[in-house]
C-alpha atoms as a PDB file:
ATOM      1  CA  UNK A   1       1.260 -17.831  -8.259  1.00  0.00           C
ATOM      2  CA  UNK A   2       0.580 -14.229  -9.051  1.00  0.00           C
ATOM      3  CA  UNK A   3       2.381 -10.911  -8.576  1.00  0.00           C
ATOM      4  CA  UNK A   4      -0.238  -8.624  -7.052  1.00  0.00           C
ATOM      5  CA  UNK A   5      -0.056  -4.852  -6.932  1.00  0.00           C
ATOM      6  CA  UNK A   6      -2.475  -3.235  -4.499  1.00  0.00           C
ATOM      7  CA  UNK A   7      -3.041   0.481  -3.999  1.00  0.00           C
ATOM      8  CA  UNK A   8      -4.523   1.962  -0.833  1.00  0.00           C
ATOM      9  CA  UNK A   9      -4.437   4.812   1.648  1.00  0.00           C
ATOM     10  CA  UNK A  10      -3.344   2.817   4.680  1.00  0.00           C
ATOM     11  CA  UNK A  11      -2.039  -0.523   5.849  1.00  0.00           C
ATOM     12  CA  UNK A  12      -1.720  -1.634   9.493  1.00  0.00           C
ATOM     13  CA  UNK A  13      -0.185  -0.492  11.709  1.00  0.00           C
ATOM     14  CA  UNK A  14      -0.338   2.742   9.668  1.00  0.00           C
ATOM     15  CA  UNK A  15      -3.954   3.928   9.811  1.00  0.00           C
ATOM     16  CA  UNK A  16      -5.826   6.778   8.159  1.00  0.00           C
ATOM     17  CA  UNK A  17      -9.376   5.687   8.641  1.00  0.00           C
ATOM     18  CA  UNK A  18      -9.915   1.951   8.880  1.00  0.00           C
ATOM     19  CA  UNK A  19      -9.964   0.306   5.442  1.00  0.00           C
ATOM     20  CA  UNK A  20      -6.431  -0.842   6.029  1.00  0.00           C
ATOM     21  CA  UNK A  21      -7.621  -3.785   8.097  1.00  0.00           C
ATOM     22  CA  UNK A  22      -9.456  -5.182   5.017  1.00  0.00           C
ATOM     23  CA  UNK A  23      -6.368  -4.520   2.836  1.00  0.00           C
ATOM     24  CA  UNK A  24      -4.184  -6.359   5.326  1.00  0.00           C
ATOM     25  CA  UNK A  25      -6.465  -9.382   5.497  1.00  0.00           C
ATOM     26  CA  UNK A  26      -6.745  -9.658   1.716  1.00  0.00           C
ATOM     27  CA  UNK A  27      -2.986  -9.303   1.334  1.00  0.00           C
ATOM     28  CA  UNK A  28      -2.351 -11.954   4.034  1.00  0.00           C
ATOM     29  CA  UNK A  29      -4.765 -14.369   2.286  1.00  0.00           C
ATOM     30  CA  UNK A  30      -3.049 -13.830  -1.071  1.00  0.00           C
ATOM     31  CA  UNK A  31       0.377 -14.337   0.508  1.00  0.00           C
ATOM     32  CA  UNK A  32      -0.795 -17.587   2.144  1.00  0.00           C
ATOM     33  CA  UNK A  33      -1.712 -18.856  -1.302  1.00  0.00           C
ATOM     34  CA  UNK A  34       1.879 -18.133  -2.416  1.00  0.00           C
ATOM     35  CA  UNK A  35       1.198 -14.911  -4.239  1.00  0.00           C
ATOM     36  CA  UNK A  36       3.688 -12.022  -4.037  1.00  0.00           C
ATOM     37  CA  UNK A  37       1.914  -8.862  -2.876  1.00  0.00           C
ATOM     38  CA  UNK A  38       3.161  -5.279  -3.220  1.00  0.00           C
ATOM     39  CA  UNK A  39       1.046  -2.690  -1.498  1.00  0.00           C
ATOM     40  CA  UNK A  40       1.542   0.958  -2.416  1.00  0.00           C
ATOM     41  CA  UNK A  41       0.242   3.791  -0.170  1.00  0.00           C
ATOM     42  CA  UNK A  42       0.831   7.513  -0.839  1.00  0.00           C
ATOM     43  CA  UNK A  43       2.175   8.456   2.676  1.00  0.00           C
ATOM     44  CA  UNK A  44       3.626   6.699   5.629  1.00  0.00           C
ATOM     45  CA  UNK A  45       6.848   6.081   7.507  1.00  0.00           C
ATOM     46  CA  UNK A  46      10.105   5.388   5.641  1.00  0.00           C
ATOM     47  CA  UNK A  47      10.512   2.082   7.546  1.00  0.00           C
ATOM     48  CA  UNK A  48       7.089   0.671   6.684  1.00  0.00           C
ATOM     49  CA  UNK A  49       7.134  -3.161   6.650  1.00  0.00           C
ATOM     50  CA  UNK A  50       4.853  -6.137   6.941  1.00  0.00           C
ATOM     51  CA  UNK A  51       5.692  -9.816   7.261  1.00  0.00           C
ATOM     52  CA  UNK A  52       3.539 -10.887   4.239  1.00  0.00           C
ATOM     53  CA  UNK A  53       3.634  -7.886   2.007  1.00  0.00           C
ATOM     54  CA  UNK A  54       6.146  -5.645   0.392  1.00  0.00           C
ATOM     55  CA  UNK A  55       5.042  -2.144   1.495  1.00  0.00           C
ATOM     56  CA  UNK A  56       5.970   0.812  -0.647  1.00  0.00           C
ATOM     57  CA  UNK A  57       5.383   4.349   0.553  1.00  0.00           C
ATOM     58  CA  UNK A  58       5.149   6.513  -2.593  1.00  0.00           C
ATOM     59  CA  UNK A  59       6.451   9.682  -0.746  1.00  0.00           C
ATOM     60  CA  UNK A  60       9.659   7.796   0.276  1.00  0.00           C
ATOM     61  CA  UNK A  61      12.275   7.081  -2.431  1.00  0.00           C
ATOM     62  CA  UNK A  62      12.907   3.361  -3.144  1.00  0.00           C
ATOM     63  CA  UNK A  63      15.979   2.121  -4.924  1.00  0.00           C
ATOM     64  CA  UNK A  64      15.066   0.658  -8.282  1.00  0.00           C
ATOM     65  CA  UNK A  65      11.630   2.226  -8.560  1.00  0.00           C
ATOM     66  CA  UNK A  66      10.841   5.328 -10.558  1.00  0.00           C
ATOM     67  CA  UNK A  67       8.081   7.641  -9.220  1.00  0.00           C
ATOM     68  CA  UNK A  68       5.657   9.012 -11.724  1.00  0.00           C
ATOM     69  CA  UNK A  69       3.110  11.453 -10.403  1.00  0.00           C
ATOM     70  CA  UNK A  70      -0.352  11.433 -12.064  1.00  0.00           C
ATOM     71  CA  UNK A  71      -2.578  14.418 -11.690  1.00  0.00           C
ATOM     72  CA  UNK A  72      -6.018  13.752 -10.284  1.00  0.00           C
ATOM     73  CA  UNK A  73      -9.005  15.657  -9.036  1.00  0.00           C
ATOM     74  CA  UNK A  74      -9.551  12.978  -6.371  1.00  0.00           C
ATOM     75  CA  UNK A  75      -8.217  13.497  -2.822  1.00  0.00           C
ATOM     76  CA  UNK A  76      -8.715  11.375   0.336  1.00  0.00           C
ATOM     77  CA  UNK A  77     -11.319  12.697   2.765  1.00  0.00           C
ATOM     78  CA  UNK A  78     -11.956  15.767   0.637  1.00  0.00           C
ATOM     79  CA  UNK A  79     -15.100  17.737   1.575  1.00  0.00           C
ATOM     80  CA  UNK A  80     -17.486  19.424  -0.829  1.00  0.00           C
END
């Protein structure tokens, strides 16, 4: 059994482009093995939840978690 931390832009039913379907399938497969999966996405609704995964929305405060912002030149869907 593993504790798995996944980072991504979206997770069903909260979509931003489509890769969330793959993230959800991978998370579900890990959970079915007995692994505990926490999925962190930068933005989303405060009440984000999934039956197999602990969803954490970084822009929403969560009791017991400390938010540390890391500067980056990367941005989703950024054009040239």
